[in-house]
Amino acid sequence: MTTTDAPVEQLGLFDAPIVQPPMIRGATLAERFEAFHRLNPHVYAAIERQALRLVAQGQKRIGVKAIAEDLRRGRVATTGDDWRINNSWPAFYARMLIAKHPQLAGVIEMRRSLADAAVG
């Protein structure tokens, strides 16, 4: 090390960087989901792959919640939330899938959300 180099601080064994969880006090459910999704884009990718595979196999109805449950059992790794895949997230993923793949609108099982009820 030269005299002009600043010393580099080394992390200790238990000093892993802290990721701020999306469960921020005062955040809406949608804001929490967006934070989770930014940290875990691989979850949507896995749900999308499975949904498209099921349609290709001839499935007429798909439950994103069921796909999320399968991912949990498959031990998908996630970060930023106390839960691997929060039970509230499949509804958001279902809407994302339909936005990206409109042909899935009649295939993906959905319930109206409170936000949908307020609009229509």
Protein backbone atom coordinates (compact mmCIF):
# COMPACT_ATOMS: atom_id res chain seq x y z
CA MET A 1 0.00 0.00 0.00
CA THR A 2 1.36 3.41 -0.91
CA THR A 3 1.02 6.45 1.32
CA THR A 4 -1.65 7.91 -1.00
CA ASP A 5 -3.91 4.86 -0.81
CA ALA A 6 -6.68 5.06 1.76
CA PRO A 7 -7.02 1.98 3.95
CA VAL A 8 -9.81 -0.34 2.85
CA GLU A 9 -12.26 -1.28 5.56
CA GLN A 10 -12.71 -5.01 5.66
CA LEU A 11 -16.01 -6.56 6.72
CA GLY A 12 -15.92 -9.05 9.54
CA LEU A 13 -17.36 -12.54 9.27
CA PHE A 14 -20.77 -11.45 10.59
CA ASP A 15 -20.84 -7.99 8.99
CA ALA A 16 -22.85 -8.83 5.88
CA PRO A 17 -24.40 -5.84 4.10
CA ILE A 18 -27.92 -5.18 5.29
CA VAL A 19 -30.67 -5.11 2.69
CA GLN A 20 -33.55 -2.86 3.67
CA PRO A 21 -36.66 -5.04 3.68
CA PRO A 22 -39.69 -3.81 1.75
CA MET A 23 -41.73 -3.87 4.94
CA ILE A 24 -41.14 -0.16 5.39
CA ARG A 25 -43.45 1.42 7.93
CA GLY A 26 -46.11 3.42 6.10
CA ALA A 27 -45.46 1.85 2.69
CA THR A 28 -48.44 0.60 0.73
CA LEU A 29 -48.72 -3.04 -0.22
CA ALA A 30 -47.95 -2.09 -3.83
CA GLU A 31 -44.82 -0.20 -2.74
CA ARG A 32 -43.68 -3.17 -0.68
CA PHE A 33 -44.24 -5.49 -3.64
CA GLU A 34 -42.28 -3.20 -5.97
CA ALA A 35 -39.38 -3.18 -3.51
CA PHE A 36 -39.49 -6.98 -3.25
CA HIS A 37 -39.70 -7.36 -7.03
CA ARG A 38 -36.69 -5.09 -7.58
CA LEU A 39 -34.66 -7.27 -5.22
CA ASN A 40 -35.99 -10.56 -6.64
CA PRO A 41 -36.72 -10.32 -10.38
CA HIS A 42 -35.95 -14.04 -10.69
CA VAL A 43 -39.21 -14.84 -8.87
CA TYR A 44 -41.31 -13.24 -11.64
CA ALA A 45 -39.16 -14.95 -14.28
CA ALA A 46 -39.78 -18.35 -12.65
CA ILE A 47 -43.53 -17.72 -12.35
CA GLU A 48 -43.68 -16.56 -15.96
CA ARG A 49 -41.79 -19.65 -17.21
CA GLN A 50 -44.09 -21.98 -15.29
CA ALA A 51 -47.28 -20.21 -16.38
CA LEU A 52 -46.27 -20.30 -20.04
CA ARG A 53 -45.22 -23.95 -19.72
CA LEU A 54 -48.61 -24.88 -18.22
CA VAL A 55 -50.45 -23.10 -21.05
CA ALA A 56 -48.27 -24.86 -23.63
CA GLN A 57 -49.22 -28.16 -21.96
CA GLY A 58 -52.90 -27.33 -22.47
CA GLN A 59 -53.94 -26.03 -19.05
CA LYS A 60 -57.12 -23.96 -19.31
CA ARG A 61 -56.90 -22.36 -15.83
CA ILE A 62 -53.75 -21.36 -13.94
CA GLY A 63 -53.43 -20.21 -10.34
CA VAL A 64 -50.40 -17.99 -9.77
CA LYS A 65 -50.76 -18.71 -6.05
CA ALA A 66 -50.23 -22.42 -6.77
CA ILE A 67 -47.14 -21.61 -8.83
CA ALA A 68 -45.80 -19.46 -5.98
CA GLU A 69 -46.39 -22.33 -3.54
CA ASP A 70 -44.43 -24.68 -5.82
CA LEU A 71 -41.58 -22.16 -5.90
CA ARG A 72 -41.55 -22.03 -2.11
CA ARG A 73 -41.26 -25.81 -1.93
CA GLY A 74 -38.48 -25.65 -4.50
CA ARG A 75 -36.60 -23.42 -2.08
CA VAL A 76 -36.33 -20.40 -4.35
CA ALA A 77 -34.01 -17.93 -2.67
CA THR A 78 -35.30 -14.42 -2.05
CA THR A 79 -34.12 -11.40 -0.14
CA GLY A 80 -35.63 -8.34 1.48
CA ASP A 81 -38.70 -9.84 3.15
CA ASP A 82 -39.35 -12.03 6.16
CA TRP A 83 -41.22 -14.45 3.88
CA ARG A 84 -39.75 -16.30 0.92
CA ILE A 85 -42.76 -15.30 -1.20
CA ASN A 86 -45.34 -13.26 0.69
CA ASN A 87 -48.94 -14.49 0.27
CA SER A 88 -49.85 -11.02 -1.01
CA TRP A 89 -47.46 -11.11 -3.98
CA PRO A 90 -49.17 -13.66 -6.31
CA ALA A 91 -51.96 -11.17 -7.09
CA PHE A 92 -49.35 -8.64 -8.23
CA TYR A 93 -47.52 -11.27 -10.25
CA ALA A 94 -50.79 -12.35 -11.92
CA ARG A 95 -51.46 -8.77 -13.03
CA MET A 96 -47.88 -8.45 -14.30
CA LEU A 97 -48.27 -11.66 -16.31
CA ILE A 98 -51.50 -10.49 -17.92
CA ALA A 99 -49.99 -7.09 -18.72
CA LYS A 100 -47.05 -8.76 -20.47
CA HIS A 101 -49.02 -11.69 -21.95
CA PRO A 102 -52.61 -10.51 -22.63
CA GLN A 103 -53.47 -13.97 -23.99
CA LEU A 104 -53.29 -15.22 -20.40
CA ALA A 105 -56.17 -12.98 -19.27
CA GLY A 106 -58.72 -15.78 -19.60
CA VAL A 107 -56.40 -18.44 -18.26
CA ILE A 108 -55.04 -16.94 -15.04
CA GLU A 109 -57.46 -17.15 -12.14
CA MET A 110 -57.92 -13.74 -10.54
CA ARG A 111 -60.13 -12.15 -7.96
CA ARG A 112 -60.95 -8.48 -7.90
CA SER A 113 -58.69 -6.57 -5.58
CA LEU A 114 -59.78 -3.67 -3.39
CA ALA A 115 -58.04 -1.37 -5.86
CA ASP A 116 -60.05 -2.90 -8.72
CA ALA A 117 -63.29 -2.48 -6.75
CA ALA A 118 -62.56 1.20 -6.13
CA VAL A 119 -62.04 1.79 -9.85
CA GLY A 120 -64.89 -0.19 -11.29
